[in-house]
Amino acid sequence: MAHRTFFSFHYELDVQRSSVVRKSSQFKDQINAEWIDASLWEESKKSDSAIRRLIASALEGTTVTAVLIGSQTANRRWVNYEINESVARGNGLLGIYIHNIAGFDGRASAKGINPLPSWVKTYDWVRDDGYQNLGQWVDHAYEMR
């Protein structure tokens, strides 16, 4: 079953790593996912109220939120806001560590702190073979909501 999935991540540090995850489904026939692309954070220089409206709009109609955990994700105000809004809406949640994916410089980064509540299942994109398993992870998050 396809789930409209919102991806939350630290744009400035992890856009390259996040793109690997967000775009992986377009290369796989067996993943029938409908992703919501979080690239709206390119516009993050807006006012707080404008950002809240952008988040509300992006979360509209989603059933799952995937938090892509990089080295500094837990410190991002808007990532934490997106998590809280996702919980309030009843979205399924999952976390995916992306620190082992090469960035623009070709290197992995440090493993970051998990910003999600302790009951949320997390995965490592590289170690847990996210390319093959993302669809199952999203389905599981939806079932656990």
N, C-alpha and C. Protein backbone atom coordinates (compact mmCIF):
# COMPACT_ATOMS: atom_id res chain seq x y z
N MET A 1 0.84 -1.18 0.00
CA MET A 1 0.00 0.00 0.00
C MET A 1 0.89 1.25 0.00
N ALA A 2 0.57 2.20 -0.81
CA ALA A 2 1.34 3.45 -0.86
C ALA A 2 0.92 4.36 0.29
N HIS A 3 1.91 5.02 0.85
CA HIS A 3 1.66 5.97 1.93
C HIS A 3 2.30 7.30 1.56
N ARG A 4 1.52 8.36 1.66
CA ARG A 4 2.10 9.69 1.44
C ARG A 4 3.03 9.97 2.62
N THR A 5 4.30 10.12 2.31
CA THR A 5 5.32 10.21 3.34
C THR A 5 6.02 11.56 3.28
N PHE A 6 6.08 12.21 4.43
CA PHE A 6 6.78 13.47 4.57
C PHE A 6 8.17 13.17 5.11
N PHE A 7 9.19 13.75 4.49
CA PHE A 7 10.56 13.58 4.94
C PHE A 7 11.03 14.84 5.65
N SER A 8 11.48 14.67 6.88
CA SER A 8 11.99 15.76 7.69
C SER A 8 13.50 15.57 7.83
N PHE A 9 14.26 16.65 7.58
CA PHE A 9 15.71 16.55 7.66
C PHE A 9 16.33 17.93 7.77
N HIS A 10 17.60 17.96 8.09
CA HIS A 10 18.38 19.20 8.21
C HIS A 10 18.83 19.56 6.79
N TYR A 11 18.18 20.54 6.21
CA TYR A 11 18.44 20.84 4.79
C TYR A 11 19.88 21.22 4.51
N GLU A 12 20.41 22.17 5.24
CA GLU A 12 21.75 22.69 4.91
C GLU A 12 22.84 21.62 4.96
N LEU A 13 22.78 20.74 5.95
CA LEU A 13 23.83 19.73 6.11
C LEU A 13 23.57 18.43 5.37
N ASP A 14 22.30 18.08 5.18
CA ASP A 14 21.99 16.73 4.72
C ASP A 14 21.19 16.64 3.43
N VAL A 15 21.14 17.69 2.64
CA VAL A 15 20.33 17.63 1.42
C VAL A 15 20.81 16.52 0.48
N GLN A 16 22.11 16.33 0.34
CA GLN A 16 22.63 15.28 -0.54
C GLN A 16 22.25 13.90 -0.01
N ARG A 17 22.48 13.66 1.27
CA ARG A 17 22.16 12.36 1.88
C ARG A 17 20.65 12.11 1.81
N SER A 18 19.88 13.14 2.09
CA SER A 18 18.43 13.01 2.06
C SER A 18 17.91 12.70 0.65
N SER A 19 18.55 13.28 -0.35
CA SER A 19 18.15 13.02 -1.73
C SER A 19 18.32 11.55 -2.10
N VAL A 20 19.35 10.92 -1.58
CA VAL A 20 19.56 9.49 -1.83
C VAL A 20 18.35 8.70 -1.35
N VAL A 21 17.88 9.00 -0.16
CA VAL A 21 16.73 8.30 0.41
C VAL A 21 15.46 8.66 -0.33
N ARG A 22 15.19 9.96 -0.48
CA ARG A 22 13.93 10.40 -1.07
C ARG A 22 13.77 9.95 -2.52
N LYS A 23 14.85 9.85 -3.25
CA LYS A 23 14.76 9.49 -4.66
C LYS A 23 14.93 8.00 -4.92
N SER A 24 15.20 7.22 -3.90
CA SER A 24 15.46 5.79 -4.10
C SER A 24 14.26 5.05 -4.69
N SER A 25 13.06 5.44 -4.33
CA SER A 25 11.89 4.71 -4.79
C SER A 25 11.64 4.85 -6.29
N GLN A 26 12.12 5.92 -6.89
CA GLN A 26 11.85 6.09 -8.32
C GLN A 26 12.64 5.09 -9.17
N PHE A 27 13.59 4.40 -8.56
CA PHE A 27 14.39 3.41 -9.29
C PHE A 27 13.97 1.98 -8.98
N LYS A 28 12.93 1.81 -8.20
CA LYS A 28 12.49 0.48 -7.80
C LYS A 28 11.03 0.26 -8.18
N ASP A 29 10.77 -0.80 -8.93
CA ASP A 29 9.41 -1.11 -9.35
C ASP A 29 8.53 -1.54 -8.18
N GLN A 30 9.10 -2.26 -7.19
CA GLN A 30 8.27 -2.81 -6.13
C GLN A 30 7.88 -1.81 -5.06
N ILE A 31 8.45 -0.63 -5.05
CA ILE A 31 8.03 0.38 -4.08
C ILE A 31 6.99 1.26 -4.75
N ASN A 32 5.81 1.20 -4.22
CA ASN A 32 4.71 2.00 -4.75
C ASN A 32 4.43 3.11 -3.76
N ALA A 33 5.37 4.00 -3.64
CA ALA A 33 5.26 5.05 -2.63
C ALA A 33 4.93 6.39 -3.26
N GLU A 34 4.25 7.18 -2.50
CA GLU A 34 3.97 8.55 -2.91
C GLU A 34 4.66 9.44 -1.88
N TRP A 35 5.80 10.02 -2.27
CA TRP A 35 6.59 10.80 -1.33
C TRP A 35 6.22 12.27 -1.41
N ILE A 36 6.29 12.91 -0.27
CA ILE A 36 6.20 14.36 -0.20
C ILE A 36 7.64 14.84 -0.06
N ASP A 37 8.10 15.66 -0.96
CA ASP A 37 9.48 16.13 -0.97
C ASP A 37 9.61 17.34 -0.06
N ALA A 38 10.54 17.26 0.89
CA ALA A 38 10.71 18.33 1.87
C ALA A 38 11.65 19.43 1.40
N SER A 39 11.83 19.57 0.12
CA SER A 39 12.75 20.60 -0.39
C SER A 39 12.21 22.01 -0.17
N LEU A 40 11.05 22.14 0.40
CA LEU A 40 10.52 23.47 0.69
C LEU A 40 11.44 24.21 1.64
N TRP A 41 12.36 23.54 2.30
CA TRP A 41 13.25 24.21 3.25
C TRP A 41 14.32 25.04 2.55
N GLU A 42 14.35 24.97 1.26
CA GLU A 42 15.20 25.90 0.53
C GLU A 42 14.72 27.33 0.79
N GLU A 43 13.47 27.47 1.16
CA GLU A 43 12.87 28.78 1.41
C GLU A 43 12.83 29.11 2.89
N SER A 44 13.67 28.50 3.70
CA SER A 44 13.56 28.60 5.15
C SER A 44 13.92 29.97 5.73
N LYS A 45 14.19 30.93 4.90
CA LYS A 45 14.49 32.28 5.40
C LYS A 45 13.21 33.08 5.65
N LYS A 46 12.08 32.43 5.58
CA LYS A 46 10.80 33.09 5.80
C LYS A 46 10.54 33.27 7.30
N SER A 47 9.47 33.96 7.62
CA SER A 47 9.10 34.17 9.02
C SER A 47 8.64 32.85 9.65
N ASP A 48 8.61 32.83 10.98
CA ASP A 48 8.16 31.63 11.69
C ASP A 48 6.75 31.23 11.28
N SER A 49 5.86 32.19 11.18
CA SER A 49 4.48 31.86 10.81
C SER A 49 4.41 31.31 9.39
N ALA A 50 5.23 31.83 8.50
CA ALA A 50 5.26 31.32 7.12
C ALA A 50 5.81 29.89 7.09
N ILE A 51 6.80 29.62 7.90
CA ILE A 51 7.36 28.26 7.95
C ILE A 51 6.32 27.30 8.52
N ARG A 52 5.61 27.71 9.55
CA ARG A 52 4.56 26.85 10.11
C ARG A 52 3.50 26.53 9.06
N ARG A 53 3.13 27.53 8.26
CA ARG A 53 2.15 27.29 7.19
C ARG A 53 2.71 26.33 6.14
N LEU A 54 3.99 26.47 5.79
CA LEU A 54 4.62 25.56 4.83
C LEU A 54 4.63 24.13 5.36
N ILE A 55 4.94 23.98 6.63
CA ILE A 55 4.95 22.65 7.23
C ILE A 55 3.54 22.06 7.24
N ALA A 56 2.57 22.85 7.64
CA ALA A 56 1.18 22.36 7.65
C ALA A 56 0.75 21.93 6.26
N SER A 57 1.10 22.71 5.26
CA SER A 57 0.74 22.38 3.89
C SER A 57 1.44 21.10 3.42
N ALA A 58 2.72 20.96 3.75
CA ALA A 58 3.47 19.78 3.33
C ALA A 58 2.97 18.51 4.03
N LEU A 59 2.54 18.64 5.28
CA LEU A 59 2.05 17.48 6.02
C LEU A 59 0.61 17.10 5.64
N GLU A 60 -0.10 18.01 5.01
CA GLU A 60 -1.50 17.76 4.64
C GLU A 60 -1.62 16.48 3.81
N GLY A 61 -2.46 15.57 4.27
CA GLY A 61 -2.71 14.33 3.53
C GLY A 61 -1.65 13.26 3.69
N THR A 62 -0.63 13.49 4.52
CA THR A 62 0.39 12.47 4.72
C THR A 62 -0.06 11.48 5.78
N THR A 63 0.50 10.28 5.74
CA THR A 63 0.18 9.26 6.73
C THR A 63 1.42 8.81 7.51
N VAL A 64 2.60 9.15 7.00
CA VAL A 64 3.85 8.75 7.63
C VAL A 64 4.84 9.90 7.54
N THR A 65 5.64 10.07 8.59
CA THR A 65 6.74 11.03 8.58
C THR A 65 8.03 10.26 8.84
N ALA A 66 8.98 10.42 7.92
CA ALA A 66 10.30 9.81 8.07
C ALA A 66 11.29 10.91 8.42
N VAL A 67 11.93 10.77 9.58
CA VAL A 67 12.93 11.73 10.00
C VAL A 67 14.29 11.17 9.60
N LEU A 68 14.97 11.90 8.72
CA LEU A 68 16.27 11.48 8.24
C LEU A 68 17.32 12.07 9.18
N ILE A 69 17.96 11.21 9.96
CA ILE A 69 18.80 11.64 11.07
C ILE A 69 20.25 11.75 10.63
N GLY A 70 20.72 12.99 10.55
CA GLY A 70 22.11 13.28 10.26
C GLY A 70 22.82 13.73 11.52
N SER A 71 24.01 14.26 11.37
CA SER A 71 24.83 14.60 12.52
C SER A 71 24.25 15.70 13.40
N GLN A 72 23.45 16.62 12.83
CA GLN A 72 22.91 17.75 13.60
C GLN A 72 21.38 17.84 13.60
N THR A 73 20.71 16.83 13.10
CA THR A 73 19.25 16.86 12.96
C THR A 73 18.53 17.16 14.27
N ALA A 74 18.97 16.55 15.36
CA ALA A 74 18.29 16.71 16.64
C ALA A 74 18.32 18.15 17.15
N ASN A 75 19.24 18.95 16.65
CA ASN A 75 19.37 20.34 17.09
C ASN A 75 18.51 21.31 16.28
N ARG A 76 17.80 20.82 15.29
CA ARG A 76 17.05 21.69 14.40
C ARG A 76 15.64 21.93 14.93
N ARG A 77 15.35 23.19 15.18
CA ARG A 77 14.04 23.59 15.71
C ARG A 77 12.89 23.09 14.83
N TRP A 78 13.00 23.25 13.54
CA TRP A 78 11.89 22.91 12.67
C TRP A 78 11.72 21.41 12.50
N VAL A 79 12.78 20.64 12.62
CA VAL A 79 12.65 19.18 12.60
C VAL A 79 11.83 18.75 13.82
N ASN A 80 12.15 19.29 14.98
CA ASN A 80 11.39 18.95 16.18
C ASN A 80 9.93 19.41 16.07
N TYR A 81 9.70 20.54 15.46
CA TYR A 81 8.33 21.01 15.23
C TYR A 81 7.60 20.04 14.29
N GLU A 82 8.26 19.59 13.24
CA GLU A 82 7.64 18.64 12.29
C GLU A 82 7.30 17.32 12.98
N ILE A 83 8.16 16.87 13.87
CA ILE A 83 7.88 15.64 14.62
C ILE A 83 6.63 15.84 15.47
N ASN A 84 6.56 16.93 16.22
CA ASN A 84 5.40 17.20 17.07
C ASN A 84 4.12 17.32 16.27
N GLU A 85 4.19 18.01 15.15
CA GLU A 85 3.01 18.16 14.29
C GLU A 85 2.59 16.81 13.70
N SER A 86 3.55 15.97 13.35
CA SER A 86 3.24 14.65 12.81
C SER A 86 2.55 13.78 13.84
N VAL A 87 3.02 13.83 15.08
CA VAL A 87 2.38 13.08 16.16
C VAL A 87 0.96 13.59 16.37
N ALA A 88 0.78 14.90 16.39
CA ALA A 88 -0.54 15.50 16.59
C ALA A 88 -1.52 15.08 15.49
N ARG A 89 -1.01 14.88 14.27
CA ARG A 89 -1.87 14.49 13.15
C ARG A 89 -2.11 12.98 13.09
N GLY A 90 -1.38 12.22 13.91
CA GLY A 90 -1.54 10.77 13.91
C GLY A 90 -0.72 10.06 12.85
N ASN A 91 0.29 10.74 12.31
CA ASN A 91 1.16 10.09 11.33
C ASN A 91 1.99 8.99 11.98
N GLY A 92 2.28 7.96 11.20
CA GLY A 92 3.27 6.99 11.63
C GLY A 92 4.63 7.67 11.57
N LEU A 93 5.54 7.26 12.44
CA LEU A 93 6.88 7.86 12.48
C LEU A 93 7.94 6.78 12.34
N LEU A 94 9.02 7.16 11.67
CA LEU A 94 10.21 6.32 11.64
C LEU A 94 11.42 7.22 11.52
N GLY A 95 12.54 6.72 11.96
CA GLY A 95 13.79 7.45 11.84
C GLY A 95 14.76 6.66 10.99
N ILE A 96 15.51 7.36 10.15
CA ILE A 96 16.51 6.71 9.31
C ILE A 96 17.82 7.46 9.48
N TYR A 97 18.81 6.78 10.03
CA TYR A 97 20.14 7.37 10.15
C TYR A 97 20.77 7.44 8.77
N ILE A 98 21.22 8.63 8.39
CA ILE A 98 21.77 8.82 7.05
C ILE A 98 23.24 9.23 7.07
N HIS A 99 23.86 9.18 8.23
CA HIS A 99 25.24 9.65 8.37
C HIS A 99 26.25 8.84 7.55
N ASN A 100 25.91 7.59 7.23
CA ASN A 100 26.83 6.75 6.46
C ASN A 100 26.71 6.94 4.94
N ILE A 101 25.77 7.74 4.51
CA ILE A 101 25.64 8.06 3.08
C ILE A 101 26.63 9.17 2.77
N ALA A 102 27.34 9.04 1.67
CA ALA A 102 28.31 10.07 1.29
C ALA A 102 27.62 11.40 1.01
N GLY A 103 28.21 12.48 1.51
CA GLY A 103 27.71 13.82 1.25
C GLY A 103 28.34 14.37 -0.02
N PHE A 104 28.18 15.65 -0.27
CA PHE A 104 28.76 16.28 -1.45
C PHE A 104 30.27 16.10 -1.50
N ASP A 105 30.91 16.02 -0.33
CA ASP A 105 32.36 15.86 -0.28
C ASP A 105 32.81 14.41 -0.43
N GLY A 106 31.85 13.50 -0.60
CA GLY A 106 32.18 12.09 -0.77
C GLY A 106 32.41 11.34 0.53
N ARG A 107 32.18 11.99 1.65
CA ARG A 107 32.44 11.39 2.96
C ARG A 107 31.16 11.18 3.76
N ALA A 108 31.23 10.22 4.67
CA ALA A 108 30.17 10.04 5.65
C ALA A 108 30.34 11.12 6.71
N SER A 109 29.34 11.27 7.57
CA SER A 109 29.44 12.23 8.67
C SER A 109 29.30 11.50 9.99
N ALA A 110 29.39 12.23 11.08
CA ALA A 110 29.23 11.63 12.40
C ALA A 110 27.78 11.22 12.62
N LYS A 111 27.59 10.18 13.40
CA LYS A 111 26.23 9.75 13.74
C LYS A 111 25.62 10.77 14.69
N GLY A 112 24.40 11.20 14.38
CA GLY A 112 23.73 12.19 15.20
C GLY A 112 22.85 11.57 16.27
N ILE A 113 22.36 12.43 17.13
CA ILE A 113 21.43 12.04 18.19
C ILE A 113 20.04 11.87 17.60
N ASN A 114 19.35 10.85 18.03
CA ASN A 114 18.00 10.59 17.57
C ASN A 114 17.02 11.58 18.22
N PRO A 115 16.31 12.41 17.43
CA PRO A 115 15.38 13.38 18.00
C PRO A 115 13.98 12.81 18.25
N LEU A 116 13.76 11.56 17.91
CA LEU A 116 12.43 10.97 17.99
C LEU A 116 12.16 10.39 19.38
N PRO A 117 10.87 10.25 19.73
CA PRO A 117 10.53 9.59 20.99
C PRO A 117 11.09 8.15 20.98
N SER A 118 11.33 7.60 22.17
CA SER A 118 11.98 6.29 22.28
C SER A 118 11.17 5.15 21.67
N TRP A 119 9.87 5.31 21.53
CA TRP A 119 9.03 4.25 20.98
C TRP A 119 9.07 4.17 19.45
N VAL A 120 9.73 5.12 18.81
CA VAL A 120 9.77 5.15 17.34
C VAL A 120 10.94 4.28 16.84
N LYS A 121 10.65 3.42 15.89
CA LYS A 121 11.65 2.52 15.30
C LYS A 121 12.59 3.32 14.41
N THR A 122 13.88 3.03 14.53
CA THR A 122 14.88 3.68 13.68
C THR A 122 15.68 2.63 12.91
N TYR A 123 16.23 3.08 11.80
CA TYR A 123 17.01 2.23 10.91
C TYR A 123 18.25 2.98 10.47
N ASP A 124 19.23 2.25 9.99
CA ASP A 124 20.42 2.86 9.38
C ASP A 124 20.33 2.58 7.89
N TRP A 125 20.32 3.65 7.08
CA TRP A 125 20.14 3.49 5.64
C TRP A 125 21.14 2.52 5.02
N VAL A 126 22.39 2.62 5.40
CA VAL A 126 23.43 1.78 4.81
C VAL A 126 23.41 0.38 5.45
N ARG A 127 23.54 0.32 6.75
CA ARG A 127 23.65 -0.96 7.46
C ARG A 127 22.40 -1.82 7.30
N ASP A 128 21.22 -1.20 7.30
CA ASP A 128 19.96 -1.94 7.22
C ASP A 128 19.41 -2.03 5.80
N ASP A 129 20.22 -1.67 4.81
CA ASP A 129 19.87 -1.77 3.39
C ASP A 129 18.56 -1.05 3.06
N GLY A 130 18.58 0.25 3.32
CA GLY A 130 17.41 1.07 3.09
C GLY A 130 16.90 1.02 1.66
N TYR A 131 17.80 0.90 0.71
CA TYR A 131 17.37 0.84 -0.69
C TYR A 131 16.38 -0.30 -0.92
N GLN A 132 16.64 -1.43 -0.29
CA GLN A 132 15.76 -2.59 -0.45
C GLN A 132 14.56 -2.56 0.51
N ASN A 133 14.68 -1.87 1.63
CA ASN A 133 13.70 -2.02 2.70
C ASN A 133 12.85 -0.79 3.01
N LEU A 134 13.07 0.33 2.35
CA LEU A 134 12.35 1.55 2.70
C LEU A 134 10.83 1.37 2.67
N GLY A 135 10.32 0.72 1.67
CA GLY A 135 8.87 0.51 1.57
C GLY A 135 8.32 -0.24 2.77
N GLN A 136 9.04 -1.26 3.22
CA GLN A 136 8.61 -2.03 4.40
C GLN A 136 8.68 -1.18 5.66
N TRP A 137 9.72 -0.35 5.77
CA TRP A 137 9.84 0.51 6.94
C TRP A 137 8.67 1.49 7.02
N VAL A 138 8.31 2.07 5.89
CA VAL A 138 7.19 3.02 5.85
C VAL A 138 5.89 2.30 6.20
N ASP A 139 5.67 1.10 5.64
CA ASP A 139 4.48 0.33 5.96
C ASP A 139 4.41 0.03 7.46
N HIS A 140 5.53 -0.36 8.05
CA HIS A 140 5.56 -0.68 9.48
C HIS A 140 5.24 0.57 10.31
N ALA A 141 5.80 1.71 9.95
CA ALA A 141 5.51 2.96 10.69
C ALA A 141 4.02 3.27 10.62
N TYR A 142 3.42 3.08 9.47
CA TYR A 142 1.99 3.33 9.32
C TYR A 142 1.17 2.41 10.22
N GLU A 143 1.54 1.14 10.25
CA GLU A 143 0.82 0.15 11.07
C GLU A 143 0.95 0.46 12.56
N MET A 144 2.07 1.04 12.98
CA MET A 144 2.33 1.29 14.39
C MET A 144 1.77 2.62 14.89
N ARG A 145 1.19 3.43 14.01
CA ARG A 145 0.72 4.76 14.43
C ARG A 145 -0.42 4.70 15.41
